[in-house]
Amino acid sequence: MAIPQRKKIALVGAGNIGGTLALLAAAKQLGDIILFDVVEGLPQGKALDISHAVPILGSSVSVRGTNDYKDLAGADVCIITAGLARKPGMSRDDLIGKNSQIMTQVAHGIRDNAPDSFVVVVSNPLDAMVTLCQRETGFPHNKVVGMAGVLDSVRYRAFLAEETGLSPVSINAFVLGGHGDDMVPVRSYTTAQGIPISKLVSAEKLDAIEKRVRCAGGEVVALLKTGSAFCSPAAAALEMTESYLLDQKKVLPCAAFLNGEYGHTGIYMGVPVVIGKNGVERVIDIDLSPTEKQALDVSAGKVRELISCIP
């Protein structure tokens, strides 16, 4: 019997998110890992360090670092975290100029060396970067997706768990729209094991929690002072990757390309999607309350404004 070949996961950007992703992916044995970065020594050093943890994790995957895009060849998944991180006082949108240059280079590197890969974009400003990545790779829309909604939704779940004293695992929630201050926590679909969250938390408390969700990334940046969140974004991107590689067909809120869903066409925006072996296999168009639909339309408008700023 032939031994099945392990999958190959390419992590483009060996900063805090890329390094954490490599460790998590190695622990889950999702595939062999290649860490890429333009900074000489950085991906090699992190890969070497993580490879020394692999035996302790009970894993058999390989972890390597490189500065050569050619080493992305054969990757099943490319996760892009490359770009500048936010600093205190910066919005995600402030990063668009420099990170657009970086994303263009990265997209060409993936296009030329891993043309059959599924691409997960984590770099900020997310909605603009996933749009630019798809444009520059020329990949089908279902093979390029943005990680935002998974992260924003788990932040919502964590804050609700803190408020209710329940396990965050028992709380289900969606945060849709753009990955910015206009993101839309969808209260009408938020439950604790099927119990509407409004039965457990007052409207006033929910308003405050949802405001905190919108600002959660900035809250982390303000506390760290020298960077932005990395553990939770890495875990969120890995959940999307795992659903693709293992054909789990999970319903996840991701920045996906819309063709009329939610009344919007031609933009990437956070919506519930099914991720399986074919990438984004479908967008699930859920019924929103009038207030939620209006908020999503506002968020879509902000996404279009941001995309128009791509150099």
C-alpha atoms as a PDB file:
ATOM      1  CA  MET A   1       0.000   0.000   0.000  1.00  0.00           C
ATOM      2  CA  ALA A   2       1.337   3.435  -0.950  1.00  0.00           C
ATOM      3  CA  ILE A   3       1.968   5.785   1.927  1.00  0.00           C
ATOM      4  CA  PRO A   4      -0.055   8.984   1.385  1.00  0.00           C
ATOM      5  CA  GLN A   5       2.097  12.043   0.901  1.00  0.00           C
ATOM      6  CA  ARG A   6       1.823  14.672   3.602  1.00  0.00           C
ATOM      7  CA  LYS A   7       0.275  17.998   2.734  1.00  0.00           C
ATOM      8  CA  LYS A   8       2.492  21.062   2.428  1.00  0.00           C
ATOM      9  CA  ILE A   9       1.631  24.262   4.266  1.00  0.00           C
ATOM     10  CA  ALA A  10       3.431  27.451   3.260  1.00  0.00           C
ATOM     11  CA  LEU A  11       3.468  30.294   5.772  1.00  0.00           C
ATOM     12  CA  VAL A  12       4.384  33.541   4.040  1.00  0.00           C
ATOM     13  CA  GLY A  13       5.672  35.848   6.746  1.00  0.00           C
ATOM     14  CA  ALA A  14       7.677  34.515   9.680  1.00  0.00           C
ATOM     15  CA  GLY A  15       6.675  37.105  12.260  1.00  0.00           C
ATOM     16  CA  ASN A  16       4.688  36.386  15.399  1.00  0.00           C
ATOM     17  CA  ILE A  17       1.617  35.073  13.566  1.00  0.00           C
ATOM     18  CA  GLY A  18       3.650  32.970  11.131  1.00  0.00           C
ATOM     19  CA  GLY A  19       5.760  31.457  13.884  1.00  0.00           C
ATOM     20  CA  THR A  20       2.709  30.659  16.019  1.00  0.00           C
ATOM     21  CA  LEU A  21       0.977  29.145  12.999  1.00  0.00           C
ATOM     22  CA  ALA A  22       3.964  26.911  12.372  1.00  0.00           C
ATOM     23  CA  LEU A  23       3.920  25.638  15.949  1.00  0.00           C
ATOM     24  CA  LEU A  24       0.149  25.009  15.949  1.00  0.00           C
ATOM     25  CA  ALA A  25       0.192  23.302  12.555  1.00  0.00           C
ATOM     26  CA  ALA A  26       3.103  21.101  13.633  1.00  0.00           C
ATOM     27  CA  ALA A  27       1.286  20.132  16.827  1.00  0.00           C
ATOM     28  CA  LYS A  28      -1.786  19.118  14.803  1.00  0.00           C
ATOM     29  CA  GLN A  29       0.358  17.302  12.201  1.00  0.00           C
ATOM     30  CA  LEU A  30      -1.592  18.945   9.374  1.00  0.00           C
ATOM     31  CA  GLY A  31       1.366  18.734   7.019  1.00  0.00           C
ATOM     32  CA  ASP A  32       4.983  19.644   6.409  1.00  0.00           C
ATOM     33  CA  ILE A  33       5.626  23.332   6.957  1.00  0.00           C
ATOM     34  CA  ILE A  34       7.696  25.862   5.041  1.00  0.00           C
ATOM     35  CA  LEU A  35       8.205  29.251   6.680  1.00  0.00           C
ATOM     36  CA  PHE A  36       9.034  32.041   4.218  1.00  0.00           C
ATOM     37  CA  ASP A  37      10.268  35.549   4.916  1.00  0.00           C
ATOM     38  CA  VAL A  38      12.418  38.110   3.132  1.00  0.00           C
ATOM     39  CA  VAL A  39      14.486  38.677   6.281  1.00  0.00           C
ATOM     40  CA  GLU A  40      17.493  36.387   6.115  1.00  0.00           C
ATOM     41  CA  GLY A  41      17.787  34.030   9.055  1.00  0.00           C
ATOM     42  CA  LEU A  42      14.361  34.805  10.546  1.00  0.00           C
ATOM     43  CA  PRO A  43      12.366  31.941   9.020  1.00  0.00           C
ATOM     44  CA  GLN A  44      15.302  29.560   9.321  1.00  0.00           C
ATOM     45  CA  GLY A  45      15.764  30.370  13.011  1.00  0.00           C
ATOM     46  CA  LYS A  46      12.085  30.019  13.878  1.00  0.00           C
ATOM     47  CA  ALA A  47      11.809  26.797  11.885  1.00  0.00           C
ATOM     48  CA  LEU A  48      14.848  25.340  13.640  1.00  0.00           C
ATOM     49  CA  ASP A  49      13.449  26.250  17.049  1.00  0.00           C
ATOM     50  CA  ILE A  50      10.028  24.764  16.262  1.00  0.00           C
ATOM     51  CA  SER A  51      11.603  21.602  14.822  1.00  0.00           C
ATOM     52  CA  HIS A  52      13.191  21.043  18.214  1.00  0.00           C
ATOM     53  CA  ALA A  53       9.741  21.147  19.813  1.00  0.00           C
ATOM     54  CA  VAL A  54       8.249  18.685  17.313  1.00  0.00           C
ATOM     55  CA  PRO A  55       9.445  15.514  19.136  1.00  0.00           C
ATOM     56  CA  ILE A  56       7.945  16.773  22.391  1.00  0.00           C
ATOM     57  CA  LEU A  57       4.655  17.422  20.585  1.00  0.00           C
ATOM     58  CA  GLY A  58       4.614  13.833  19.351  1.00  0.00           C
ATOM     59  CA  SER A  59       4.620  15.071  15.777  1.00  0.00           C
ATOM     60  CA  SER A  60       6.436  13.783  12.690  1.00  0.00           C
ATOM     61  CA  VAL A  61       6.165  16.759  10.329  1.00  0.00           C
ATOM     62  CA  SER A  62       9.105  18.725   8.994  1.00  0.00           C
ATOM     63  CA  VAL A  63       9.496  22.465   9.552  1.00  0.00           C
ATOM     64  CA  ARG A  64      11.854  24.440   7.316  1.00  0.00           C
ATOM     65  CA  GLY A  65      12.632  28.105   6.755  1.00  0.00           C
ATOM     66  CA  THR A  66      13.486  29.855   3.501  1.00  0.00           C
ATOM     67  CA  ASN A  67      14.014  33.210   1.794  1.00  0.00           C
ATOM     68  CA  ASP A  68      13.281  31.815  -1.671  1.00  0.00           C
ATOM     69  CA  TYR A  69       9.780  31.867  -3.154  1.00  0.00           C
ATOM     70  CA  LYS A  70      10.703  28.793  -5.204  1.00  0.00           C
ATOM     71  CA  ASP A  71      10.492  26.733  -2.014  1.00  0.00           C
ATOM     72  CA  LEU A  72       6.719  27.341  -1.980  1.00  0.00           C
ATOM     73  CA  ALA A  73       6.425  24.935  -4.920  1.00  0.00           C
ATOM     74  CA  GLY A  74       3.853  22.209  -4.313  1.00  0.00           C
ATOM     75  CA  ALA A  75       2.183  23.963  -1.389  1.00  0.00           C
ATOM     76  CA  ASP A  76      -1.413  22.879  -0.800  1.00  0.00           C
ATOM     77  CA  VAL A  77      -2.131  25.947   1.314  1.00  0.00           C
ATOM     78  CA  CYS A  78      -0.443  29.347   1.499  1.00  0.00           C
ATOM     79  CA  ILE A  79      -1.228  31.475   4.553  1.00  0.00           C
ATOM     80  CA  ILE A  80      -0.149  35.091   4.138  1.00  0.00           C
ATOM     81  CA  THR A  81       0.735  37.038   7.265  1.00  0.00           C
ATOM     82  CA  ALA A  82       3.414  39.225   5.667  1.00  0.00           C
ATOM     83  CA  GLY A  83       3.226  42.970   6.237  1.00  0.00           C
ATOM     84  CA  LEU A  84       3.597  45.632   8.860  1.00  0.00           C
ATOM     85  CA  ALA A  85       1.805  45.119  12.153  1.00  0.00           C
ATOM     86  CA  ARG A  86      -0.228  47.847  13.804  1.00  0.00           C
ATOM     87  CA  LYS A  87       1.229  50.088  16.449  1.00  0.00           C
ATOM     88  CA  PRO A  88      -0.647  52.125  19.057  1.00  0.00           C
ATOM     89  CA  GLY A  89      -2.676  54.885  17.434  1.00  0.00           C
ATOM     90  CA  MET A  90      -2.779  53.175  14.038  1.00  0.00           C
ATOM     91  CA  SER A  91      -5.916  51.846  12.410  1.00  0.00           C
ATOM     92  CA  ARG A  92      -5.807  48.795  10.148  1.00  0.00           C
ATOM     93  CA  ASP A  93      -6.447  51.138   7.229  1.00  0.00           C
ATOM     94  CA  ASP A  94      -3.248  53.084   7.952  1.00  0.00           C
ATOM     95  CA  LEU A  95      -1.258  50.095   6.714  1.00  0.00           C
ATOM     96  CA  ILE A  96      -2.658  50.020   3.181  1.00  0.00           C
ATOM     97  CA  GLY A  97       0.177  51.756   1.295  1.00  0.00           C
ATOM     98  CA  LYS A  98       3.171  49.722   2.454  1.00  0.00           C
ATOM     99  CA  ASN A  99       1.296  46.449   2.829  1.00  0.00           C
ATOM    100  CA  SER A 100      -0.113  46.737  -0.697  1.00  0.00           C
ATOM    101  CA  GLN A 101       3.453  46.711  -2.029  1.00  0.00           C
ATOM    102  CA  ILE A 102       4.302  43.685   0.087  1.00  0.00           C
ATOM    103  CA  MET A 103       1.102  41.841  -0.872  1.00  0.00           C
ATOM    104  CA  THR A 104       1.723  42.370  -4.575  1.00  0.00           C
ATOM    105  CA  GLN A 105       5.175  40.778  -4.284  1.00  0.00           C
ATOM    106  CA  VAL A 106       3.824  37.900  -2.209  1.00  0.00           C
ATOM    107  CA  ALA A 107       0.911  37.266  -4.579  1.00  0.00           C
ATOM    108  CA  HIS A 108       3.276  37.048  -7.541  1.00  0.00           C
ATOM    109  CA  GLY A 109       5.524  34.653  -5.610  1.00  0.00           C
ATOM    110  CA  ILE A 110       2.581  32.372  -4.875  1.00  0.00           C
ATOM    111  CA  ARG A 111       1.183  32.655  -8.410  1.00  0.00           C
ATOM    112  CA  ASP A 112       4.496  31.663  -9.946  1.00  0.00           C
ATOM    113  CA  ASN A 113       5.385  28.843  -7.552  1.00  0.00           C
ATOM    114  CA  ALA A 114       2.219  27.454  -5.933  1.00  0.00           C
ATOM    115  CA  PRO A 115      -0.498  27.953  -8.577  1.00  0.00           C
ATOM    116  CA  ASP A 116      -2.753  25.206  -7.236  1.00  0.00           C
ATOM    117  CA  SER A 117      -2.762  26.351  -3.605  1.00  0.00           C
ATOM    118  CA  PHE A 118      -5.619  27.551  -1.432  1.00  0.00           C
ATOM    119  CA  VAL A 119      -4.705  31.006  -0.114  1.00  0.00           C
ATOM    120  CA  VAL A 120      -5.690  32.364   3.297  1.00  0.00           C
ATOM    121  CA  VAL A 121      -4.928  36.069   3.750  1.00  0.00           C
ATOM    122  CA  VAL A 122      -4.363  37.392   7.275  1.00  0.00           C
ATOM    123  CA  SER A 123      -2.486  40.634   6.493  1.00  0.00           C
ATOM    124  CA  ASN A 124      -4.134  43.979   7.267  1.00  0.00           C
ATOM    125  CA  PRO A 125      -6.073  45.899   6.161  1.00  0.00           C
ATOM    126  CA  LEU A 126      -7.705  42.547   5.523  1.00  0.00           C
ATOM    127  CA  ASP A 127     -10.504  43.398   3.119  1.00  0.00           C
ATOM    128  CA  ALA A 128      -8.164  45.323   0.815  1.00  0.00           C
ATOM    129  CA  MET A 129      -5.351  42.779   1.059  1.00  0.00           C
ATOM    130  CA  VAL A 130      -7.489  39.757   0.151  1.00  0.00           C
ATOM    131  CA  THR A 131      -8.910  41.719  -2.786  1.00  0.00           C
ATOM    132  CA  LEU A 132      -5.417  42.655  -3.953  1.00  0.00           C
ATOM    133  CA  CYS A 133      -4.130  39.111  -3.480  1.00  0.00           C
ATOM    134  CA  GLN A 134      -6.864  37.607  -5.642  1.00  0.00           C
ATOM    135  CA  ARG A 135      -6.335  40.245  -8.311  1.00  0.00           C
ATOM    136  CA  GLU A 136      -2.576  39.751  -8.450  1.00  0.00           C
ATOM    137  CA  THR A 137      -2.598  35.939  -8.314  1.00  0.00           C
ATOM    138  CA  GLY A 138      -5.472  35.637 -10.769  1.00  0.00           C
ATOM    139  CA  PHE A 139      -6.681  32.623  -8.756  1.00  0.00           C
ATOM    140  CA  PRO A 140     -10.399  31.703  -8.742  1.00  0.00           C
ATOM    141  CA  HIS A 141     -12.311  33.580  -6.058  1.00  0.00           C
ATOM    142  CA  ASN A 142     -13.081  30.361  -4.192  1.00  0.00           C
ATOM    143  CA  LYS A 143      -9.348  29.677  -3.771  1.00  0.00           C
ATOM    144  CA  VAL A 144      -8.537  33.030  -2.081  1.00  0.00           C
ATOM    145  CA  VAL A 145     -10.181  33.911   1.229  1.00  0.00           C
ATOM    146  CA  GLY A 146      -9.586  36.336   4.077  1.00  0.00           C
ATOM    147  CA  MET A 147      -9.283  35.483   7.755  1.00  0.00           C
ATOM    148  CA  ALA A 148     -11.223  38.009   9.798  1.00  0.00           C
ATOM    149  CA  GLY A 149     -14.666  36.807  10.773  1.00  0.00           C
ATOM    150  CA  VAL A 150     -13.349  33.714  12.539  1.00  0.00           C
ATOM    151  CA  LEU A 151     -11.140  35.899  14.718  1.00  0.00           C
ATOM    152  CA  ASP A 152     -13.767  38.569  15.355  1.00  0.00           C
ATOM    153  CA  SER A 153     -16.334  35.890  16.192  1.00  0.00           C
ATOM    154  CA  VAL A 154     -14.115  34.108  18.722  1.00  0.00           C
ATOM    155  CA  ARG A 155     -13.450  37.438  20.387  1.00  0.00           C
ATOM    156  CA  TYR A 156     -17.220  37.909  20.667  1.00  0.00           C
ATOM    157  CA  ARG A 157     -17.536  34.398  22.098  1.00  0.00           C
ATOM    158  CA  ALA A 158     -14.730  34.995  24.599  1.00  0.00           C
ATOM    159  CA  PHE A 159     -16.267  38.235  25.885  1.00  0.00           C
ATOM    160  CA  LEU A 160     -19.709  36.608  26.157  1.00  0.00           C
ATOM    161  CA  ALA A 161     -18.224  33.667  28.046  1.00  0.00           C
ATOM    162  CA  GLU A 162     -16.585  36.096  30.460  1.00  0.00           C
ATOM    163  CA  GLU A 163     -19.918  37.857  31.006  1.00  0.00           C
ATOM    164  CA  THR A 164     -22.068  34.732  31.402  1.00  0.00           C
ATOM    165  CA  GLY A 165     -19.582  32.458  33.168  1.00  0.00           C
ATOM    166  CA  LEU A 166     -20.193  29.819  30.494  1.00  0.00           C
ATOM    167  CA  SER A 167     -17.645  27.936  28.458  1.00  0.00           C
ATOM    168  CA  PRO A 168     -16.782  29.795  25.235  1.00  0.00           C
ATOM    169  CA  VAL A 169     -17.094  26.432  23.472  1.00  0.00           C
ATOM    170  CA  SER A 170     -20.839  26.448  24.182  1.00  0.00           C
ATOM    171  CA  ILE A 171     -21.340  29.881  22.604  1.00  0.00           C
ATOM    172  CA  ASN A 172     -21.985  30.209  18.881  1.00  0.00           C
ATOM    173  CA  ALA A 173     -21.651  33.602  17.214  1.00  0.00           C
ATOM    174  CA  PHE A 174     -21.083  35.342  13.901  1.00  0.00           C
ATOM    175  CA  VAL A 175     -19.328  38.635  13.299  1.00  0.00           C
ATOM    176  CA  LEU A 176     -19.759  39.690   9.677  1.00  0.00           C
ATOM    177  CA  GLY A 177     -18.816  42.601   7.414  1.00  0.00           C
ATOM    178  CA  GLY A 178     -15.456  44.284   7.036  1.00  0.00           C
ATOM    179  CA  HIS A 179     -12.586  43.672   9.436  1.00  0.00           C
ATOM    180  CA  GLY A 180     -12.668  47.110  11.018  1.00  0.00           C
ATOM    181  CA  ASP A 181     -14.622  49.391  13.291  1.00  0.00           C
ATOM    182  CA  ASP A 182     -17.797  48.760  11.248  1.00  0.00           C
ATOM    183  CA  MET A 183     -17.830  44.978  11.675  1.00  0.00           C
ATOM    184  CA  VAL A 184     -21.260  43.559  12.523  1.00  0.00           C
ATOM    185  CA  PRO A 185     -21.742  41.203  15.497  1.00  0.00           C
ATOM    186  CA  VAL A 186     -24.939  39.344  14.560  1.00  0.00           C
ATOM    187  CA  ARG A 187     -26.831  39.183  17.828  1.00  0.00           C
ATOM    188  CA  SER A 188     -29.838  37.426  16.297  1.00  0.00           C
ATOM    189  CA  TYR A 189     -27.701  34.343  15.517  1.00  0.00           C
ATOM    190  CA  THR A 190     -25.723  34.311  18.772  1.00  0.00           C
ATOM    191  CA  THR A 191     -26.638  31.501  21.160  1.00  0.00           C
ATOM    192  CA  ALA A 192     -25.402  29.405  24.056  1.00  0.00           C
ATOM    193  CA  GLN A 193     -26.175  25.852  22.989  1.00  0.00           C
ATOM    194  CA  GLY A 194     -29.253  27.118  21.147  1.00  0.00           C
ATOM    195  CA  ILE A 195     -30.381  29.540  23.848  1.00  0.00           C
ATOM    196  CA  PRO A 196     -30.624  33.064  22.404  1.00  0.00           C
ATOM    197  CA  ILE A 197     -27.947  35.225  23.984  1.00  0.00           C
ATOM    198  CA  SER A 198     -30.549  37.910  24.696  1.00  0.00           C
ATOM    199  CA  LYS A 199     -32.069  35.494  27.229  1.00  0.00           C
ATOM    200  CA  LEU A 200     -28.810  35.426  29.159  1.00  0.00           C
ATOM    201  CA  VAL A 201     -27.346  38.914  28.762  1.00  0.00           C
ATOM    202  CA  SER A 202     -29.132  42.268  28.932  1.00  0.00           C
ATOM    203  CA  ALA A 203     -29.368  44.449  25.839  1.00  0.00           C
ATOM    204  CA  GLU A 204     -27.260  47.108  27.547  1.00  0.00           C
ATOM    205  CA  LYS A 205     -24.483  44.606  28.327  1.00  0.00           C
ATOM    206  CA  LEU A 206     -24.623  43.221  24.798  1.00  0.00           C
ATOM    207  CA  ASP A 207     -24.218  46.719  23.376  1.00  0.00           C
ATOM    208  CA  ALA A 208     -21.078  47.207  25.465  1.00  0.00           C
ATOM    209  CA  ILE A 209     -19.656  43.779  24.581  1.00  0.00           C
ATOM    210  CA  GLU A 210     -20.256  44.311  20.859  1.00  0.00           C
ATOM    211  CA  LYS A 211     -18.521  47.672  21.039  1.00  0.00           C
ATOM    212  CA  ARG A 212     -15.566  45.969  22.694  1.00  0.00           C
ATOM    213  CA  VAL A 213     -15.508  43.320  19.940  1.00  0.00           C
ATOM    214  CA  ARG A 214     -15.155  46.042  17.298  1.00  0.00           C
ATOM    215  CA  CYS A 215     -12.220  47.522  19.182  1.00  0.00           C
ATOM    216  CA  ALA A 216     -10.664  44.278  20.446  1.00  0.00           C
ATOM    217  CA  GLY A 217      -7.720  44.338  18.050  1.00  0.00           C
ATOM    218  CA  GLY A 218      -6.872  47.890  19.087  1.00  0.00           C
ATOM    219  CA  GLU A 219      -7.190  46.898  22.733  1.00  0.00           C
ATOM    220  CA  VAL A 220      -4.500  44.258  22.248  1.00  0.00           C
ATOM    221  CA  VAL A 221      -2.290  46.691  20.306  1.00  0.00           C
ATOM    222  CA  ALA A 222      -2.567  49.300  23.068  1.00  0.00           C
ATOM    223  CA  LEU A 223      -1.535  46.769  25.698  1.00  0.00           C
ATOM    224  CA  LEU A 224       1.356  45.229  23.743  1.00  0.00           C
ATOM    225  CA  LYS A 225       2.627  48.629  22.557  1.00  0.00           C
ATOM    226  CA  THR A 226       5.063  47.033  20.092  1.00  0.00           C
ATOM    227  CA  GLY A 227       2.810  44.881  17.923  1.00  0.00           C
ATOM    228  CA  SER A 228      -0.615  43.356  17.435  1.00  0.00           C
ATOM    229  CA  ALA A 229      -2.438  40.132  18.276  1.00  0.00           C
ATOM    230  CA  PHE A 230      -0.836  36.926  17.039  1.00  0.00           C
ATOM    231  CA  CYS A 231      -2.033  33.866  18.971  1.00  0.00           C
ATOM    232  CA  SER A 232      -5.722  34.236  18.152  1.00  0.00           C
ATOM    233  CA  PRO A 233      -5.200  35.211  14.475  1.00  0.00           C
ATOM    234  CA  ALA A 234      -2.940  32.175  14.053  1.00  0.00           C
ATOM    235  CA  ALA A 235      -5.509  29.849  15.614  1.00  0.00           C
ATOM    236  CA  ALA A 236      -8.265  31.341  13.448  1.00  0.00           C
ATOM    237  CA  ALA A 237      -6.293  30.917  10.215  1.00  0.00           C
ATOM    238  CA  LEU A 238      -5.425  27.370  11.190  1.00  0.00           C
ATOM    239  CA  GLU A 239      -9.099  26.476  11.706  1.00  0.00           C
ATOM    240  CA  MET A 240      -9.804  27.586   8.133  1.00  0.00           C
ATOM    241  CA  THR A 241      -6.787  25.656   6.844  1.00  0.00           C
ATOM    242  CA  GLU A 242      -7.771  22.494   8.684  1.00  0.00           C
ATOM    243  CA  SER A 243     -11.296  22.650   7.265  1.00  0.00           C
ATOM    244  CA  TYR A 244      -9.811  22.840   3.757  1.00  0.00           C
ATOM    245  CA  LEU A 245      -7.145  20.163   4.117  1.00  0.00           C
ATOM    246  CA  LEU A 246      -9.438  17.685   5.882  1.00  0.00           C
ATOM    247  CA  ASP A 247     -12.565  18.590   3.871  1.00  0.00           C
ATOM    248  CA  GLN A 248     -14.420  19.285   7.127  1.00  0.00           C
ATOM    249  CA  LYS A 249     -16.945  21.611   5.453  1.00  0.00           C
ATOM    250  CA  LYS A 250     -17.125  23.837   8.514  1.00  0.00           C
ATOM    251  CA  VAL A 251     -19.365  26.887   8.439  1.00  0.00           C
ATOM    252  CA  LEU A 252     -17.000  29.762   9.181  1.00  0.00           C
ATOM    253  CA  PRO A 253     -17.332  33.550   8.884  1.00  0.00           C
ATOM    254  CA  CYS A 254     -14.647  34.574   6.371  1.00  0.00           C
ATOM    255  CA  ALA A 255     -13.939  37.375   3.915  1.00  0.00           C
ATOM    256  CA  ALA A 256     -15.295  35.774   0.749  1.00  0.00           C
ATOM    257  CA  PHE A 257     -16.133  37.125  -2.694  1.00  0.00           C
ATOM    258  CA  LEU A 258     -19.794  38.030  -3.085  1.00  0.00           C
ATOM    259  CA  ASN A 259     -21.917  37.550  -6.181  1.00  0.00           C
ATOM    260  CA  GLY A 260     -25.200  39.052  -5.060  1.00  0.00           C
ATOM    261  CA  GLU A 261     -25.327  37.495  -1.596  1.00  0.00           C
ATOM    262  CA  TYR A 262     -26.479  39.969   1.037  1.00  0.00           C
ATOM    263  CA  GLY A 263     -27.255  42.393  -1.795  1.00  0.00           C
ATOM    264  CA  HIS A 264     -23.587  42.960  -2.696  1.00  0.00           C
ATOM    265  CA  THR A 265     -21.577  42.023  -5.755  1.00  0.00           C
ATOM    266  CA  GLY A 266     -17.910  42.195  -6.635  1.00  0.00           C
ATOM    267  CA  ILE A 267     -16.369  42.643  -3.182  1.00  0.00           C
ATOM    268  CA  TYR A 268     -14.762  40.515  -0.502  1.00  0.00           C
ATOM    269  CA  MET A 269     -16.557  40.803   2.828  1.00  0.00           C
ATOM    270  CA  GLY A 270     -17.046  38.742   5.970  1.00  0.00           C
ATOM    271  CA  VAL A 271     -19.961  36.307   5.573  1.00  0.00           C
ATOM    272  CA  PRO A 272     -20.682  32.707   6.632  1.00  0.00           C
ATOM    273  CA  VAL A 273     -19.114  30.258   4.178  1.00  0.00           C
ATOM    274  CA  VAL A 274     -18.510  26.535   3.886  1.00  0.00           C
ATOM    275  CA  ILE A 275     -14.825  25.632   3.565  1.00  0.00           C
ATOM    276  CA  GLY A 276     -14.002  22.186   2.190  1.00  0.00           C
ATOM    277  CA  LYS A 277     -11.633  20.537  -0.257  1.00  0.00           C
ATOM    278  CA  ASN A 278     -12.730  22.899  -3.046  1.00  0.00           C
ATOM    279  CA  GLY A 279     -11.983  26.017  -1.022  1.00  0.00           C
ATOM    280  CA  VAL A 280     -14.917  28.325  -0.370  1.00  0.00           C
ATOM    281  CA  GLU A 281     -17.608  25.916  -1.493  1.00  0.00           C
ATOM    282  CA  ARG A 282     -20.554  28.215  -0.903  1.00  0.00           C
ATOM    283  CA  VAL A 283     -21.684  31.384   0.792  1.00  0.00           C
ATOM    284  CA  ILE A 284     -24.566  30.949   3.229  1.00  0.00           C
ATOM    285  CA  ASP A 285     -27.008  33.837   2.901  1.00  0.00           C
ATOM    286  CA  ILE A 286     -28.685  34.132   6.314  1.00  0.00           C
ATOM    287  CA  ASP A 287     -31.647  36.351   7.136  1.00  0.00           C
ATOM    288  CA  LEU A 288     -30.591  39.392   9.137  1.00  0.00           C
ATOM    289  CA  SER A 289     -32.721  41.758  11.173  1.00  0.00           C
ATOM    290  CA  PRO A 290     -33.346  45.146   9.524  1.00  0.00           C
ATOM    291  CA  THR A 291     -30.843  46.762  11.903  1.00  0.00           C
ATOM    292  CA  GLU A 292     -28.189  44.122  11.180  1.00  0.00           C
ATOM    293  CA  LYS A 293     -28.754  44.380   7.411  1.00  0.00           C
ATOM    294  CA  GLN A 294     -28.385  48.160   7.560  1.00  0.00           C
ATOM    295  CA  ALA A 295     -25.168  47.800   9.575  1.00  0.00           C
ATOM    296  CA  LEU A 296     -23.823  45.266   7.063  1.00  0.00           C
ATOM    297  CA  ASP A 297     -24.573  47.656   4.199  1.00  0.00           C
ATOM    298  CA  VAL A 298     -22.667  50.411   5.996  1.00  0.00           C
ATOM    299  CA  SER A 299     -19.748  48.039   6.516  1.00  0.00           C
ATOM    300  CA  ALA A 300     -19.822  47.078   2.841  1.00  0.00           C
ATOM    301  CA  GLY A 301     -19.611  50.752   1.923  1.00  0.00           C
ATOM    302  CA  LYS A 302     -16.513  51.132   4.081  1.00  0.00           C
ATOM    303  CA  VAL A 303     -14.971  48.070   2.426  1.00  0.00           C
ATOM    304  CA  ARG A 304     -15.529  49.610  -1.014  1.00  0.00           C
ATOM    305  CA  GLU A 305     -13.918  52.851   0.160  1.00  0.00           C
ATOM    306  CA  LEU A 306     -10.911  50.935   1.450  1.00  0.00           C
ATOM    307  CA  ILE A 307     -10.534  48.926  -1.748  1.00  0.00           C
ATOM    308  CA  SER A 308     -10.604  52.169  -3.752  1.00  0.00           C
ATOM    309  CA  CYS A 309      -7.475  53.235  -1.835  1.00  0.00           C
ATOM    310  CA  ILE A 310      -5.362  50.327  -3.078  1.00  0.00           C
ATOM    311  CA  PRO A 311      -2.450  51.959  -4.948  1.00  0.00           C
END
